[in-house]
């Protein structure tokens, strides 16, 4: 009986680790091969005392279906956005499962309340302590999106639509110079 319990624990650990690694692999595939999509942001407070420095992301209304349409949508689904020459997204239509034009992308959503609040899965962006000023002027969330509409937030971009990068060499909280690898 003791041997059976040991094998059961080992099998459970293999399943849990295998599932976690598969999920990580899936997300990395989206990062590596997904299409870049820039979603316009609304301003929000970039600081939390409990979680450290981060930015809660509130996407602009131009990305979502009209508010009056949202109450009729299923709890989970996807919609289609049109991408301009800089990959900035604006809502095009609800997803009917058809093929997409070259300048379109599918994005999955989840309704979170009765008023039609929607989440896209990338609702906050964490950054190194002391870099709040660097990200305070972010105007876009940069996501990589696969054909099914799954997305991974890879960074924030400024008005120039380039991903905001922390400086290579910076000083730490104690004022000492810290080099990054």
Protein backbone atom coordinates (compact mmCIF):
# COMPACT_ATOMS: atom_id res chain seq x y z
CA UNK A 1 0.00 0.00 0.00
CA UNK A 2 2.87 2.36 0.78
CA UNK A 3 4.35 1.75 -2.66
CA UNK A 4 1.01 2.55 -4.34
CA UNK A 5 0.77 5.87 -2.43
CA UNK A 6 4.30 6.78 -3.51
CA UNK A 7 3.49 6.06 -7.16
CA UNK A 8 0.26 8.03 -6.85
CA UNK A 9 2.15 11.07 -5.50
CA UNK A 10 4.78 10.77 -8.24
CA UNK A 11 2.11 10.44 -10.94
CA UNK A 12 0.27 13.47 -9.56
CA UNK A 13 3.47 15.52 -9.53
CA UNK A 14 4.23 14.51 -13.14
CA UNK A 15 0.73 15.54 -14.26
CA UNK A 16 0.91 18.89 -12.45
CA UNK A 17 4.40 19.71 -13.71
CA UNK A 18 3.59 18.49 -17.21
CA UNK A 19 0.46 20.65 -17.36
CA UNK A 20 2.30 23.72 -16.06
CA UNK A 21 5.16 23.25 -18.53
CA UNK A 22 2.75 22.72 -21.43
CA UNK A 23 0.94 25.97 -20.56
CA UNK A 24 4.26 27.82 -20.38
CA UNK A 25 5.26 26.34 -23.75
CA UNK A 26 1.93 27.44 -25.29
CA UNK A 27 2.37 31.02 -24.06
CA UNK A 28 5.97 31.10 -25.31
CA UNK A 29 4.75 30.01 -28.75
CA UNK A 30 2.37 33.00 -28.79
CA UNK A 31 5.21 35.33 -27.76
CA UNK A 32 7.54 33.89 -30.40
CA UNK A 33 5.12 33.52 -33.30
CA UNK A 34 2.08 35.68 -32.47
CA UNK A 35 1.12 38.82 -34.31
CA UNK A 36 1.94 42.10 -32.52
CA UNK A 37 -1.16 44.13 -31.64
CA UNK A 38 -1.13 47.51 -29.89
CA UNK A 39 -4.14 48.29 -27.72
CA UNK A 40 -4.66 51.92 -26.72
CA UNK A 41 -4.67 52.51 -22.96
CA UNK A 42 -6.62 54.88 -20.70
CA UNK A 43 -4.58 56.47 -17.87
CA UNK A 44 -4.50 54.66 -14.50
CA UNK A 45 -2.48 54.78 -11.28
CA UNK A 46 0.87 52.95 -11.71
CA UNK A 47 1.55 52.09 -8.04
CA UNK A 48 0.47 49.52 -5.50
CA UNK A 49 2.01 49.39 -2.04
CA UNK A 50 1.26 45.69 -1.67
CA UNK A 51 2.26 44.41 -5.11
CA UNK A 52 5.06 46.84 -5.87
CA UNK A 53 5.31 48.93 -9.00
CA UNK A 54 2.84 48.00 -11.69
CA UNK A 55 0.34 49.54 -14.04
CA UNK A 56 -3.27 48.43 -14.06
CA UNK A 57 -4.23 48.43 -17.71
CA UNK A 58 -7.51 49.98 -18.78
CA UNK A 59 -7.98 49.70 -22.52
CA UNK A 60 -9.63 52.44 -24.58
CA UNK A 61 -13.26 51.95 -25.59
CA UNK A 62 -12.31 51.94 -29.30
CA UNK A 63 -11.01 48.39 -28.83
CA UNK A 64 -14.28 46.91 -27.56
CA UNK A 65 -17.76 46.34 -29.00
CA UNK A 66 -20.28 49.10 -28.23
CA UNK A 67 -21.53 49.07 -24.64
CA UNK A 68 -25.14 48.33 -25.67
CA UNK A 69 -24.02 45.21 -27.61
CA UNK A 70 -22.08 43.71 -24.70
CA UNK A 71 -25.11 42.62 -22.66
CA UNK A 72 -26.06 40.22 -25.47
CA UNK A 73 -22.64 38.61 -25.76
CA UNK A 74 -21.72 35.22 -24.31
CA UNK A 75 -19.62 35.29 -21.12
CA UNK A 76 -16.52 34.20 -23.08
CA UNK A 77 -15.84 34.74 -26.75
CA UNK A 78 -13.80 36.73 -29.21
CA UNK A 79 -14.09 39.76 -31.43
CA UNK A 80 -12.19 41.04 -34.44
CA UNK A 81 -10.03 44.17 -34.48
CA UNK A 82 -8.68 46.05 -37.47
CA UNK A 83 -4.98 46.91 -37.36
CA UNK A 84 -3.60 50.08 -38.89
CA UNK A 85 -0.11 50.34 -40.42
CA UNK A 86 1.42 50.56 -36.91
CA UNK A 87 -0.58 47.51 -35.64
CA UNK A 88 -2.84 49.73 -33.49
CA UNK A 89 -6.15 47.93 -33.00
CA UNK A 90 -9.72 49.24 -33.24
CA UNK A 91 -12.91 47.19 -32.93
CA UNK A 92 -14.20 45.88 -36.26
CA UNK A 93 -16.91 43.31 -35.55
CA UNK A 94 -17.94 40.37 -33.41
CA UNK A 95 -16.29 37.07 -34.28
CA UNK A 96 -18.42 34.73 -36.37
CA UNK A 97 -15.64 32.19 -36.88
CA UNK A 98 -14.90 33.25 -40.46
CA UNK A 99 -11.51 33.93 -41.94
CA UNK A 100 -9.72 37.19 -41.26
CA UNK A 101 -8.41 39.84 -43.62
CA UNK A 102 -4.68 40.56 -43.61
CA UNK A 103 -5.16 43.65 -41.43
CA UNK A 104 -7.37 41.92 -38.82
CA UNK A 105 -6.77 39.95 -35.63
CA UNK A 106 -9.00 37.93 -33.34
CA UNK A 107 -8.91 38.71 -29.59
CA UNK A 108 -10.55 36.61 -26.87
CA UNK A 109 -12.50 38.34 -24.11
CA UNK A 110 -14.30 37.53 -20.86
CA UNK A 111 -17.32 39.49 -19.58
CA UNK A 112 -16.78 40.29 -15.91
CA UNK A 113 -19.96 42.09 -14.82
CA UNK A 114 -23.57 42.85 -15.76
CA UNK A 115 -22.64 46.30 -17.10
CA UNK A 116 -20.57 44.78 -19.90
CA UNK A 117 -17.10 45.10 -18.40
CA UNK A 118 -14.65 43.08 -20.50
CA UNK A 119 -11.22 41.63 -19.80
CA UNK A 120 -8.69 40.53 -22.35
CA UNK A 121 -6.44 38.59 -19.98
CA UNK A 122 -3.70 41.20 -19.80
CA UNK A 123 -4.94 43.57 -17.11
CA UNK A 124 -1.73 44.64 -15.37
CA UNK A 125 1.93 45.14 -16.18
CA UNK A 126 4.59 44.78 -13.48
CA UNK A 127 7.94 46.53 -13.69
CA UNK A 128 11.05 46.99 -11.59
CA UNK A 129 10.80 49.19 -8.51
CA UNK A 130 11.61 52.82 -9.19
CA UNK A 131 10.68 52.74 -12.89
CA UNK A 132 7.13 54.09 -12.52
CA UNK A 133 8.06 57.37 -14.24
CA UNK A 134 9.38 55.47 -17.25
CA UNK A 135 6.04 53.69 -17.77
CA UNK A 136 3.70 56.48 -16.62
CA UNK A 137 3.39 57.85 -20.18
CA UNK A 138 2.58 54.47 -21.75
CA UNK A 139 -0.15 54.81 -24.35
CA UNK A 140 -0.38 51.24 -25.66
CA UNK A 141 -0.33 47.70 -24.34
CA UNK A 142 1.67 45.52 -26.74
CA UNK A 143 0.28 42.01 -27.07
CA UNK A 144 1.23 39.10 -29.25
CA UNK A 145 -1.90 37.36 -30.49
CA UNK A 146 -2.23 33.96 -32.16
CA UNK A 147 -4.81 32.98 -34.80
CA UNK A 148 -7.24 31.68 -32.15
CA UNK A 149 -7.25 35.03 -30.29
CA UNK A 150 -5.06 33.99 -27.35
CA UNK A 151 -2.83 36.84 -26.28
CA UNK A 152 0.25 37.52 -24.16
CA UNK A 153 1.18 41.01 -22.98
CA UNK A 154 4.84 41.58 -23.89
CA UNK A 155 5.25 45.23 -22.94
CA UNK A 156 4.00 48.79 -23.00
CA UNK A 157 4.61 51.35 -25.72
CA UNK A 158 4.70 55.13 -25.79
CA UNK A 159 3.16 57.51 -28.32
CA UNK A 160 5.92 56.54 -30.80
CA UNK A 161 4.47 52.98 -30.68
CA UNK A 162 7.84 51.50 -29.65
CA UNK A 163 8.13 49.22 -26.62
CA UNK A 164 9.35 51.10 -23.56
CA UNK A 165 12.69 49.68 -22.46
CA UNK A 166 14.42 50.21 -19.13
CA UNK A 167 17.91 51.70 -19.46
CA UNK A 168 20.71 49.14 -19.65
CA UNK A 169 22.66 50.66 -16.76
CA UNK A 170 20.76 52.15 -13.88
CA UNK A 171 21.13 52.89 -10.23
CA UNK A 172 19.48 50.74 -7.61
CA UNK A 173 17.45 51.89 -4.60
CA UNK A 174 20.68 52.46 -2.63
CA UNK A 175 22.14 54.68 -5.40
CA UNK A 176 24.74 52.09 -6.44
CA UNK A 177 25.15 51.53 -10.15
CA UNK A 178 23.72 48.21 -11.32
CA UNK A 179 24.52 46.67 -14.70
CA UNK A 180 21.89 44.44 -16.30
CA UNK A 181 22.72 41.30 -18.25
